[in-house]
């Protein structure tokens, strides 16, 4: 089963740095966007293997809430 996540990334001094918005503790870097993507995938898979955390069973949904301030 393939799950889809949003990769948030930016460039800093020649490096692409990014994290998964849905799993912000998954963070990595690479010299290219392709390398960053591969490193983030590796980091996610290693985290699942070492932590015993089960991958999400369904895709998260977004809902906009209006809150009085």
N, C-alpha and C. Protein backbone atom coordinates (compact mmCIF):
# COMPACT_ATOMS: atom_id res chain seq x y z
N UNK A 1 0.84 -1.18 0.00
CA UNK A 1 0.00 0.00 0.00
C UNK A 1 0.89 1.25 0.00
N UNK A 2 0.54 2.20 -0.80
CA UNK A 2 1.30 3.44 -0.89
C UNK A 2 0.51 4.55 -0.22
N UNK A 3 1.16 5.26 0.69
CA UNK A 3 0.58 6.43 1.34
C UNK A 3 1.21 7.68 0.72
N UNK A 4 0.49 8.76 0.69
CA UNK A 4 1.00 10.01 0.13
C UNK A 4 1.13 11.06 1.23
N UNK A 5 2.25 11.76 1.22
CA UNK A 5 2.55 12.79 2.20
C UNK A 5 2.96 14.06 1.46
N UNK A 6 2.91 15.18 2.16
CA UNK A 6 3.35 16.45 1.59
C UNK A 6 4.76 16.75 2.08
N UNK A 7 5.67 16.93 1.13
CA UNK A 7 7.05 17.29 1.44
C UNK A 7 7.17 18.81 1.41
N UNK A 8 7.55 19.38 2.52
CA UNK A 8 7.80 20.83 2.62
C UNK A 8 9.32 21.00 2.55
N UNK A 9 9.80 21.80 1.61
CA UNK A 9 11.26 21.92 1.47
C UNK A 9 11.66 23.34 1.09
N UNK A 10 12.95 23.63 1.28
CA UNK A 10 13.52 24.92 0.95
C UNK A 10 15.00 24.71 0.62
N UNK A 11 15.61 25.71 0.05
CA UNK A 11 17.04 25.66 -0.28
C UNK A 11 17.82 26.53 0.68
N UNK A 12 18.99 26.03 1.10
CA UNK A 12 19.85 26.78 1.99
C UNK A 12 21.30 26.44 1.67
N UNK A 13 22.03 27.41 1.17
CA UNK A 13 23.46 27.26 0.86
C UNK A 13 23.77 26.03 0.01
N UNK A 14 22.98 25.82 -1.04
CA UNK A 14 23.23 24.73 -1.97
C UNK A 14 22.63 23.40 -1.56
N UNK A 15 21.91 23.35 -0.45
CA UNK A 15 21.26 22.13 0.01
C UNK A 15 19.75 22.28 -0.07
N UNK A 16 19.08 21.19 -0.39
CA UNK A 16 17.63 21.12 -0.29
C UNK A 16 17.33 20.48 1.07
N UNK A 17 16.55 21.18 1.88
CA UNK A 17 16.22 20.72 3.22
C UNK A 17 14.71 20.57 3.29
N UNK A 18 14.24 19.48 3.88
CA UNK A 18 12.80 19.29 3.90
C UNK A 18 12.33 18.40 5.03
N UNK A 19 11.00 18.41 5.20
CA UNK A 19 10.34 17.58 6.19
C UNK A 19 8.98 17.19 5.66
N UNK A 20 8.43 16.14 6.22
CA UNK A 20 7.07 15.76 5.87
C UNK A 20 6.11 16.58 6.72
N UNK A 21 5.21 17.29 6.08
CA UNK A 21 4.27 18.11 6.84
C UNK A 21 3.37 17.26 7.71
N UNK A 22 3.04 16.05 7.24
CA UNK A 22 2.15 15.17 7.98
C UNK A 22 2.87 14.45 9.12
N UNK A 23 4.19 14.35 9.03
CA UNK A 23 5.01 13.68 10.05
C UNK A 23 6.25 14.56 10.26
N UNK A 24 6.11 15.70 10.95
CA UNK A 24 7.18 16.69 11.00
C UNK A 24 8.49 16.22 11.62
N UNK A 25 8.48 15.10 12.35
CA UNK A 25 9.75 14.61 12.89
C UNK A 25 10.60 13.93 11.81
N UNK A 26 10.04 13.72 10.62
CA UNK A 26 10.81 13.18 9.50
C UNK A 26 11.40 14.36 8.74
N UNK A 27 12.70 14.51 8.83
CA UNK A 27 13.42 15.68 8.36
C UNK A 27 14.71 15.20 7.71
N UNK A 28 15.10 15.78 6.56
CA UNK A 28 16.36 15.37 5.92
C UNK A 28 16.85 16.47 4.99
N UNK A 29 17.91 16.16 4.25
CA UNK A 29 18.49 17.11 3.30
C UNK A 29 19.12 16.35 2.14
N UNK A 30 19.47 17.08 1.08
CA UNK A 30 20.14 16.49 -0.07
C UNK A 30 20.69 17.58 -0.97
N UNK A 31 21.63 17.21 -1.82
CA UNK A 31 22.22 18.19 -2.76
C UNK A 31 21.28 18.51 -3.91
N UNK A 32 20.30 17.64 -4.16
CA UNK A 32 19.30 17.88 -5.20
C UNK A 32 17.93 17.54 -4.63
N UNK A 33 16.89 17.95 -5.33
CA UNK A 33 15.54 17.63 -4.89
C UNK A 33 15.32 16.12 -4.91
N UNK A 34 15.85 15.44 -5.91
CA UNK A 34 15.72 13.98 -5.99
C UNK A 34 16.41 13.30 -4.81
N UNK A 35 17.60 13.78 -4.45
CA UNK A 35 18.31 13.21 -3.31
C UNK A 35 17.55 13.47 -2.01
N UNK A 36 17.00 14.67 -1.87
CA UNK A 36 16.18 14.98 -0.69
C UNK A 36 15.00 14.03 -0.59
N UNK A 37 14.28 13.83 -1.70
CA UNK A 37 13.12 12.94 -1.68
C UNK A 37 13.53 11.53 -1.26
N UNK A 38 14.61 11.03 -1.82
CA UNK A 38 15.08 9.68 -1.46
C UNK A 38 15.47 9.61 0.01
N UNK A 39 16.13 10.64 0.52
CA UNK A 39 16.55 10.65 1.93
C UNK A 39 15.36 10.73 2.88
N UNK A 40 14.34 11.50 2.51
CA UNK A 40 13.14 11.60 3.34
C UNK A 40 12.41 10.25 3.37
N UNK A 41 12.32 9.59 2.23
CA UNK A 41 11.69 8.27 2.17
C UNK A 41 12.45 7.30 3.06
N UNK A 42 13.78 7.31 2.96
CA UNK A 42 14.61 6.44 3.81
C UNK A 42 14.39 6.75 5.29
N UNK A 43 14.35 8.03 5.64
CA UNK A 43 14.16 8.43 7.04
C UNK A 43 12.81 7.95 7.56
N UNK A 44 11.78 8.06 6.74
CA UNK A 44 10.44 7.61 7.15
C UNK A 44 10.43 6.10 7.35
N UNK A 45 10.98 5.37 6.40
CA UNK A 45 10.98 3.91 6.50
C UNK A 45 11.82 3.44 7.69
N UNK A 46 12.97 4.06 7.95
CA UNK A 46 13.79 3.69 9.10
C UNK A 46 13.07 4.00 10.41
N UNK A 47 12.35 5.12 10.46
CA UNK A 47 11.61 5.47 11.67
C UNK A 47 10.52 4.43 11.94
N UNK A 48 9.83 4.00 10.90
CA UNK A 48 8.80 2.97 11.10
C UNK A 48 9.41 1.67 11.60
N UNK A 49 10.55 1.28 11.05
CA UNK A 49 11.19 0.02 11.43
C UNK A 49 11.71 0.06 12.86
N UNK A 50 12.32 1.15 13.26
CA UNK A 50 12.97 1.21 14.58
C UNK A 50 12.01 1.58 15.71
N UNK A 51 10.91 2.24 15.39
CA UNK A 51 10.02 2.70 16.45
C UNK A 51 8.86 1.76 16.71
N UNK A 52 8.60 0.87 15.77
CA UNK A 52 7.45 -0.01 15.92
C UNK A 52 6.13 0.68 15.62
N UNK A 53 6.19 1.91 15.12
CA UNK A 53 4.98 2.65 14.77
C UNK A 53 4.39 2.07 13.50
N UNK A 54 3.11 1.88 13.50
CA UNK A 54 2.42 1.40 12.31
C UNK A 54 2.19 2.57 11.36
N UNK A 55 2.34 2.35 10.05
CA UNK A 55 2.02 3.41 9.11
C UNK A 55 0.54 3.78 9.19
N UNK A 56 0.20 4.99 8.78
CA UNK A 56 -1.21 5.39 8.85
C UNK A 56 -2.08 4.45 8.04
N UNK A 57 -3.28 4.17 8.54
CA UNK A 57 -4.17 3.24 7.85
C UNK A 57 -5.02 3.96 6.80
N UNK A 58 -5.08 5.25 6.85
CA UNK A 58 -5.82 5.99 5.83
C UNK A 58 -5.18 7.36 5.66
N UNK A 59 -5.50 7.98 4.56
CA UNK A 59 -4.96 9.30 4.27
C UNK A 59 -5.65 10.34 5.14
N UNK A 60 -4.86 11.18 5.82
CA UNK A 60 -5.48 12.22 6.65
C UNK A 60 -6.32 13.17 5.79
N UNK A 61 -7.32 13.71 6.39
CA UNK A 61 -8.18 14.68 5.71
C UNK A 61 -7.97 16.05 6.33
N UNK A 62 -8.20 17.08 5.55
CA UNK A 62 -8.06 18.45 6.03
C UNK A 62 -9.43 19.09 6.12
N UNK A 63 -9.63 19.86 7.15
CA UNK A 63 -10.88 20.57 7.34
C UNK A 63 -10.55 21.95 7.87
N UNK A 64 -11.04 22.97 7.21
CA UNK A 64 -10.79 24.33 7.65
C UNK A 64 -11.79 24.70 8.74
N UNK A 65 -11.26 25.20 9.86
CA UNK A 65 -12.11 25.60 10.97
C UNK A 65 -12.06 27.11 11.15
N UNK A 66 -13.19 27.73 11.35
CA UNK A 66 -13.24 29.14 11.68
C UNK A 66 -13.35 29.28 13.18
N UNK A 67 -12.43 30.00 13.79
CA UNK A 67 -12.42 30.16 15.25
C UNK A 67 -12.48 31.63 15.59
N UNK A 68 -13.42 31.99 16.42
CA UNK A 68 -13.57 33.38 16.86
C UNK A 68 -12.40 33.75 17.77
N UNK A 69 -11.74 34.89 17.49
CA UNK A 69 -10.62 35.33 18.33
C UNK A 69 -10.88 36.71 18.88
